[in-house]
Amino acid sequence: MWADLSSVYIICDDIVIKTVRSKLTTADLQRLRARGTRPGRPRPAQAAFDTSTATHRPRAIEIDRTANRDGIVIVRGHELALGVVTAGSRVTLRIDGELIHATNGTHLIKTLPNPLDLEN
């Protein structure tokens, strides 16, 4: 694992498996260092989101859609493939910056990159 104030990377055999937005504060990182963690290598990849616009990005919104028979929902002309297990079911899409989280009730179905223009 590699972490800073903007991103947390899960790494296995020098391959980045997952990147998520960091919720760590400067105090959290100082506590980790005090507990014996060592400074890591350089950042393994780009951040989970563009940190230069972090203070100006819009708030997250949620919309509901029904997946078609192929497990696809359409948002502003963009097809989001959620998988055939969602076919015909109602899903909630949480659009949060550069990520879209698809949920069905309390279960996370999939996290996708956000293809939408953030200004619209």
Protein backbone atom coordinates (compact mmCIF):
# COMPACT_ATOMS: atom_id res chain seq x y z
CA MET A 1 0.00 0.00 0.00
CA TRP A 2 1.15 3.54 -0.78
CA ALA A 3 -0.70 6.59 0.57
CA ASP A 4 -0.59 10.36 0.65
CA LEU A 5 -3.13 13.14 1.17
CA SER A 6 -4.81 12.67 -2.22
CA SER A 7 -4.69 8.94 -3.05
CA VAL A 8 -4.23 5.45 -1.62
CA TYR A 9 -2.79 2.78 -3.91
CA ILE A 10 -3.11 -0.95 -3.35
CA ILE A 11 -0.03 -2.58 -4.90
CA CYS A 12 0.88 -6.25 -5.37
CA ASP A 13 4.13 -7.32 -7.07
CA ASP A 14 4.71 -3.74 -8.28
CA ILE A 15 1.32 -3.69 -10.03
CA VAL A 16 -1.25 -1.11 -8.95
CA ILE A 17 -4.42 -3.10 -8.27
CA LYS A 18 -6.65 -0.29 -7.08
CA THR A 19 -6.50 3.45 -6.51
CA VAL A 20 -8.95 5.21 -4.21
CA ARG A 21 -9.34 8.74 -2.92
CA SER A 22 -7.47 9.24 0.34
CA LYS A 23 -9.29 10.34 3.46
CA LEU A 24 -6.02 10.60 5.38
CA THR A 25 -5.06 13.87 7.03
CA THR A 26 -1.59 15.20 7.72
CA ALA A 27 -2.05 14.08 11.33
CA ASP A 28 -2.92 10.54 10.15
CA LEU A 29 0.26 10.35 8.08
CA GLN A 30 2.32 11.64 11.02
CA ARG A 31 0.77 8.97 13.29
CA LEU A 32 1.63 6.26 10.75
CA ARG A 33 5.21 7.47 10.56
CA ALA A 34 5.43 7.55 14.38
CA ARG A 35 4.25 3.92 14.45
CA GLY A 36 7.18 2.84 12.29
CA THR A 37 5.99 3.00 8.70
CA ARG A 38 8.72 3.87 6.27
CA PRO A 39 8.65 6.44 3.49
CA GLY A 40 7.67 4.80 0.24
CA ARG A 41 8.86 4.98 -3.28
CA PRO A 42 7.72 7.72 -5.66
CA ARG A 43 4.02 7.92 -6.49
CA PRO A 44 3.15 4.72 -8.42
CA ALA A 45 0.60 6.26 -10.80
CA GLN A 46 -1.61 9.27 -11.24
CA ALA A 47 -3.92 10.26 -8.41
CA ALA A 48 -7.43 8.83 -8.22
CA PHE A 49 -8.67 12.32 -9.11
CA ASP A 50 -7.18 15.60 -10.25
CA THR A 51 -5.97 17.23 -7.02
CA SER A 52 -5.56 20.65 -8.65
CA THR A 53 -9.35 20.98 -8.93
CA ALA A 54 -10.22 19.31 -5.63
CA THR A 55 -11.39 22.52 -3.95
CA HIS A 56 -13.52 23.55 -6.94
CA ARG A 57 -15.16 20.28 -7.85
CA PRO A 58 -18.94 20.01 -7.58
CA ARG A 59 -20.62 18.01 -4.84
CA ALA A 60 -21.55 14.40 -5.44
CA ILE A 61 -25.01 13.75 -6.85
CA GLU A 62 -27.07 10.59 -7.00
CA ILE A 63 -29.41 9.55 -9.78
CA ASP A 64 -31.53 6.43 -10.25
CA ARG A 65 -31.67 4.47 -13.48
CA THR A 66 -33.03 1.10 -14.59
CA ALA A 67 -30.48 -1.13 -16.31
CA ASN A 68 -31.54 -2.54 -19.67
CA ARG A 69 -31.49 -6.26 -20.53
CA ASP A 70 -27.73 -6.07 -21.11
CA GLY A 71 -27.01 -4.38 -17.77
CA ILE A 72 -26.36 -0.98 -19.32
CA VAL A 73 -27.62 2.39 -18.07
CA ILE A 74 -27.46 5.60 -20.06
CA VAL A 75 -26.54 8.94 -18.49
CA ARG A 76 -26.44 12.03 -20.71
CA GLY A 77 -25.80 9.88 -23.79
CA HIS A 78 -23.02 7.82 -22.21
CA GLU A 79 -23.54 4.07 -21.86
CA LEU A 80 -22.31 2.67 -18.55
CA ALA A 81 -21.94 -1.12 -18.57
CA LEU A 82 -22.77 -2.48 -15.12
CA GLY A 83 -23.04 -6.17 -16.02
CA VAL A 84 -25.91 -8.48 -16.89
CA VAL A 85 -26.58 -9.24 -13.21
CA THR A 86 -28.16 -5.77 -13.01
CA ALA A 87 -30.46 -6.34 -16.03
CA GLY A 88 -33.89 -4.88 -15.34
CA SER A 89 -33.00 -3.70 -11.85
CA ARG A 90 -33.08 -0.18 -10.45
CA VAL A 91 -29.62 1.15 -9.60
CA THR A 92 -28.39 4.32 -7.95
CA LEU A 93 -25.46 6.08 -9.60
CA ARG A 94 -23.41 8.33 -7.33
CA ILE A 95 -21.47 10.76 -9.50
CA ASP A 96 -18.57 11.95 -7.38
CA GLY A 97 -15.87 13.88 -9.21
CA GLU A 98 -14.09 11.60 -11.64
CA LEU A 99 -15.77 8.40 -10.40
CA ILE A 100 -19.26 6.91 -10.66
CA HIS A 101 -20.32 4.39 -8.01
CA ALA A 102 -23.23 2.13 -8.97
CA THR A 103 -25.20 0.65 -6.07
CA ASN A 104 -28.24 -1.56 -5.69
CA GLY A 105 -29.65 -0.85 -2.26
CA THR A 106 -26.69 -1.08 0.08
CA HIS A 107 -24.47 -3.14 -2.24
CA LEU A 108 -21.76 -1.57 -4.38
CA ILE A 109 -22.09 -3.05 -7.87
CA LYS A 110 -19.30 -1.29 -9.70
CA THR A 111 -17.07 1.79 -9.70
CA LEU A 112 -16.42 3.37 -13.07
CA PRO A 113 -14.47 6.35 -14.38
CA ASN A 114 -16.77 9.32 -14.92
CA PRO A 115 -17.14 10.05 -18.66
CA LEU A 116 -19.29 13.14 -18.02
CA ASP A 117 -18.09 16.71 -18.33
CA LEU A 118 -17.79 17.99 -14.74
CA GLU A 119 -19.02 21.47 -15.68
CA ASN A 120 -22.40 20.22 -16.93
